[in-house]
């Protein structure tokens, strides 16, 4: 498969809640650059659900900073991030790297101590890999069923199967 180096994450986990401070500390991760929609909440959740707030607080208590990098618009991203006090970068245009690299620079983060968390291989995983980060992908919470999203998921399917058939051992690489 031609795009394996960009489309295979370090880990695929059932939910963002399975990403723990202990797991990240062990891997030397100090920054999480996280997608929002279908990774932490549905598109219908204008503000962070309680479990997201608790997860963010647990990360903060462990000294791990969460920064939102979303392809969604400024109004949606700002409204979601504001109650959490997390930096937010809307209209990221992942898999392009411009906004993600600016977010990393603003945070003082390097690729070696950063993780990208998302739900899509073609946008989130590709951006994180291209930036040199480690990547965790979770299944979409409530996937869109438009033709565009169905086509993206169809393209991702062989890479998901390849990961499932040969998952990496241990923690994050």
Protein backbone atom coordinates (compact mmCIF):
# COMPACT_ATOMS: atom_id res chain seq x y z
CA UNK A 1 0.00 0.00 0.00
CA UNK A 2 1.50 3.18 -1.21
CA UNK A 3 0.59 5.58 1.62
CA UNK A 4 1.31 3.35 4.63
CA UNK A 5 3.84 5.68 6.20
CA UNK A 6 1.21 8.46 6.39
CA UNK A 7 -1.94 6.44 7.04
CA UNK A 8 -0.96 3.92 9.71
CA UNK A 9 -1.18 5.32 13.25
CA UNK A 10 0.90 4.26 16.21
CA UNK A 11 -2.25 3.13 18.00
CA UNK A 12 -5.95 2.72 17.33
CA UNK A 13 -7.98 2.83 20.53
CA UNK A 14 -11.72 2.42 21.19
CA UNK A 15 -12.17 5.97 22.54
CA UNK A 16 -10.23 9.09 23.52
CA UNK A 17 -10.77 8.06 27.16
CA UNK A 18 -8.32 5.18 26.58
CA UNK A 19 -5.55 7.73 26.07
CA UNK A 20 -4.21 8.03 29.60
CA UNK A 21 -1.68 10.34 31.23
CA UNK A 22 0.39 7.30 32.24
CA UNK A 23 0.55 6.06 28.65
CA UNK A 24 1.63 9.47 27.42
CA UNK A 25 4.18 10.09 30.18
CA UNK A 26 5.79 6.72 29.45
CA UNK A 27 6.15 7.78 25.79
CA UNK A 28 7.50 11.25 26.65
CA UNK A 29 4.41 13.03 25.31
CA UNK A 30 3.82 16.53 26.72
CA UNK A 31 1.43 17.89 24.07
CA UNK A 32 -1.75 16.50 22.53
CA UNK A 33 -2.91 18.16 19.33
CA UNK A 34 -6.48 16.94 19.17
CA UNK A 35 -9.23 17.00 16.64
CA UNK A 36 -12.69 17.76 18.06
CA UNK A 37 -15.51 16.47 15.88
CA UNK A 38 -16.08 12.72 16.07
CA UNK A 39 -12.90 12.37 18.12
CA UNK A 40 -13.97 14.01 21.41
CA UNK A 41 -17.60 14.90 20.67
CA UNK A 42 -20.21 14.68 17.96
CA UNK A 43 -20.80 17.52 15.54
CA UNK A 44 -24.01 18.11 17.52
CA UNK A 45 -22.19 18.87 20.80
CA UNK A 46 -21.61 22.64 20.76
CA UNK A 47 -19.75 22.53 24.07
CA UNK A 48 -17.56 19.85 25.64
CA UNK A 49 -19.40 16.95 27.28
CA UNK A 50 -18.52 16.21 30.90
CA UNK A 51 -16.29 13.24 30.01
CA UNK A 52 -14.20 15.46 27.72
CA UNK A 53 -13.83 18.07 30.45
CA UNK A 54 -12.74 15.41 32.96
CA UNK A 55 -10.25 13.94 30.46
CA UNK A 56 -8.75 17.37 29.70
CA UNK A 57 -8.41 18.13 33.42
CA UNK A 58 -6.68 14.78 34.03
CA UNK A 59 -4.21 15.59 31.25
CA UNK A 60 -3.57 19.06 32.66
CA UNK A 61 -2.98 17.64 36.15
CA UNK A 62 -0.40 15.30 34.63
CA UNK A 63 1.37 18.21 32.94
CA UNK A 64 0.13 17.32 29.45
CA UNK A 65 -1.17 20.24 27.41
CA UNK A 66 -4.14 19.78 25.05
CA UNK A 67 -4.40 21.98 21.97
CA UNK A 68 -7.28 21.73 19.52
CA UNK A 69 -6.49 21.63 15.81
CA UNK A 70 -9.70 21.25 13.83
CA UNK A 71 -10.76 21.52 10.21
CA UNK A 72 -14.05 23.01 11.40
CA UNK A 73 -14.81 26.74 11.44
CA UNK A 74 -13.79 29.32 14.02
CA UNK A 75 -17.22 29.67 15.66
CA UNK A 76 -17.55 25.93 16.34
CA UNK A 77 -13.96 25.43 17.50
CA UNK A 78 -13.82 28.54 19.71
CA UNK A 79 -17.14 27.73 21.38
CA UNK A 80 -15.98 24.20 22.15
CA UNK A 81 -12.52 25.17 23.41
CA UNK A 82 -13.39 28.28 25.45
CA UNK A 83 -14.84 26.55 28.55
CA UNK A 84 -11.79 24.29 28.69
CA UNK A 85 -9.24 27.08 28.38
CA UNK A 86 -7.38 25.19 25.66
CA UNK A 87 -5.73 26.88 22.69
CA UNK A 88 -7.72 26.28 19.52
CA UNK A 89 -6.81 26.41 15.85
CA UNK A 90 -9.79 26.25 13.47
CA UNK A 91 -9.77 25.76 9.71
CA UNK A 92 -6.59 23.69 9.97
CA UNK A 93 -7.02 22.11 6.54
CA UNK A 94 -5.46 18.84 7.68
CA UNK A 95 -3.62 17.00 6.14
CA UNK A 96 -1.90 20.26 5.21
CA UNK A 97 0.67 21.25 7.83
CA UNK A 98 0.58 25.05 8.03
CA UNK A 99 -1.84 25.45 10.93
CA UNK A 100 -0.60 22.36 12.78
CA UNK A 101 3.00 23.59 12.60
CA UNK A 102 1.93 27.05 13.81
CA UNK A 103 0.10 25.42 16.74
CA UNK A 104 3.22 23.41 17.59
CA UNK A 105 5.44 26.49 17.39
CA UNK A 106 3.05 28.56 19.52
CA UNK A 107 3.01 25.80 22.18
CA UNK A 108 6.78 25.36 22.11
CA UNK A 109 6.25 21.72 21.16
CA UNK A 110 8.51 19.48 19.14
CA UNK A 111 7.40 16.47 17.13
CA UNK A 112 9.19 14.14 19.57
CA UNK A 113 7.03 15.18 22.53
CA UNK A 114 3.75 15.59 20.63
CA UNK A 115 0.82 13.40 19.74
CA UNK A 116 -1.96 13.93 17.25
CA UNK A 117 -5.33 12.49 18.30
CA UNK A 118 -8.07 12.16 15.71
CA UNK A 119 -10.64 9.96 14.01
CA UNK A 120 -9.63 10.09 10.35
CA UNK A 121 -6.63 8.54 8.68
CA UNK A 122 -6.77 10.77 5.60
CA UNK A 123 -6.73 14.02 7.54
CA UNK A 124 -5.60 13.54 11.15
CA UNK A 125 -3.20 10.63 10.78
CA UNK A 126 -1.67 11.99 7.57
CA UNK A 127 -1.09 15.42 9.14
CA UNK A 128 0.44 14.00 12.31
CA UNK A 129 2.70 11.62 10.41
CA UNK A 130 3.84 14.32 8.01
CA UNK A 131 4.66 16.54 11.02
CA UNK A 132 6.72 13.71 12.56
CA UNK A 133 4.37 13.18 15.52
CA UNK A 134 3.06 10.02 17.03
CA UNK A 135 -0.60 9.41 16.19
CA UNK A 136 -3.55 7.81 17.93
CA UNK A 137 -6.77 7.25 15.99
CA UNK A 138 -10.14 6.51 17.56
CA UNK A 139 -13.27 5.44 15.71
CA UNK A 140 -15.68 8.25 14.87
CA UNK A 141 -18.27 8.78 17.58
CA UNK A 142 -21.10 9.41 15.11
CA UNK A 143 -19.86 9.32 11.55
CA UNK A 144 -21.38 11.45 8.84
CA UNK A 145 -23.08 9.49 6.09
CA UNK A 146 -22.59 11.88 3.19
CA UNK A 147 -21.07 10.51 0.01
CA UNK A 148 -17.84 12.41 0.73
CA UNK A 149 -17.41 10.83 4.18
CA UNK A 150 -18.41 7.37 2.96
CA UNK A 151 -15.77 7.65 0.21
CA UNK A 152 -13.10 8.71 2.73
CA UNK A 153 -13.94 5.79 5.02
CA UNK A 154 -13.81 3.40 2.04
CA UNK A 155 -10.31 4.64 1.17
CA UNK A 156 -9.24 4.24 4.81
CA UNK A 157 -10.61 0.70 5.17
CA UNK A 158 -7.54 -1.24 3.88
CA UNK A 159 -5.26 0.71 6.22
CA UNK A 160 -7.55 0.04 9.19
CA UNK A 161 -7.51 -3.68 8.30
CA UNK A 162 -3.72 -3.67 7.94
CA UNK A 163 -3.39 -2.08 11.40
CA UNK A 164 -5.87 -4.54 12.92
CA UNK A 165 -4.05 -7.52 11.38
CA UNK A 166 -0.65 -6.35 12.62
CA UNK A 167 -1.02 -3.94 15.56
CA UNK A 168 2.18 -2.58 17.09
CA UNK A 169 3.21 -4.15 20.35
CA UNK A 170 3.68 -2.17 23.53
CA UNK A 171 3.05 1.54 23.95
CA UNK A 172 3.57 4.46 21.63
CA UNK A 173 6.71 4.25 19.50
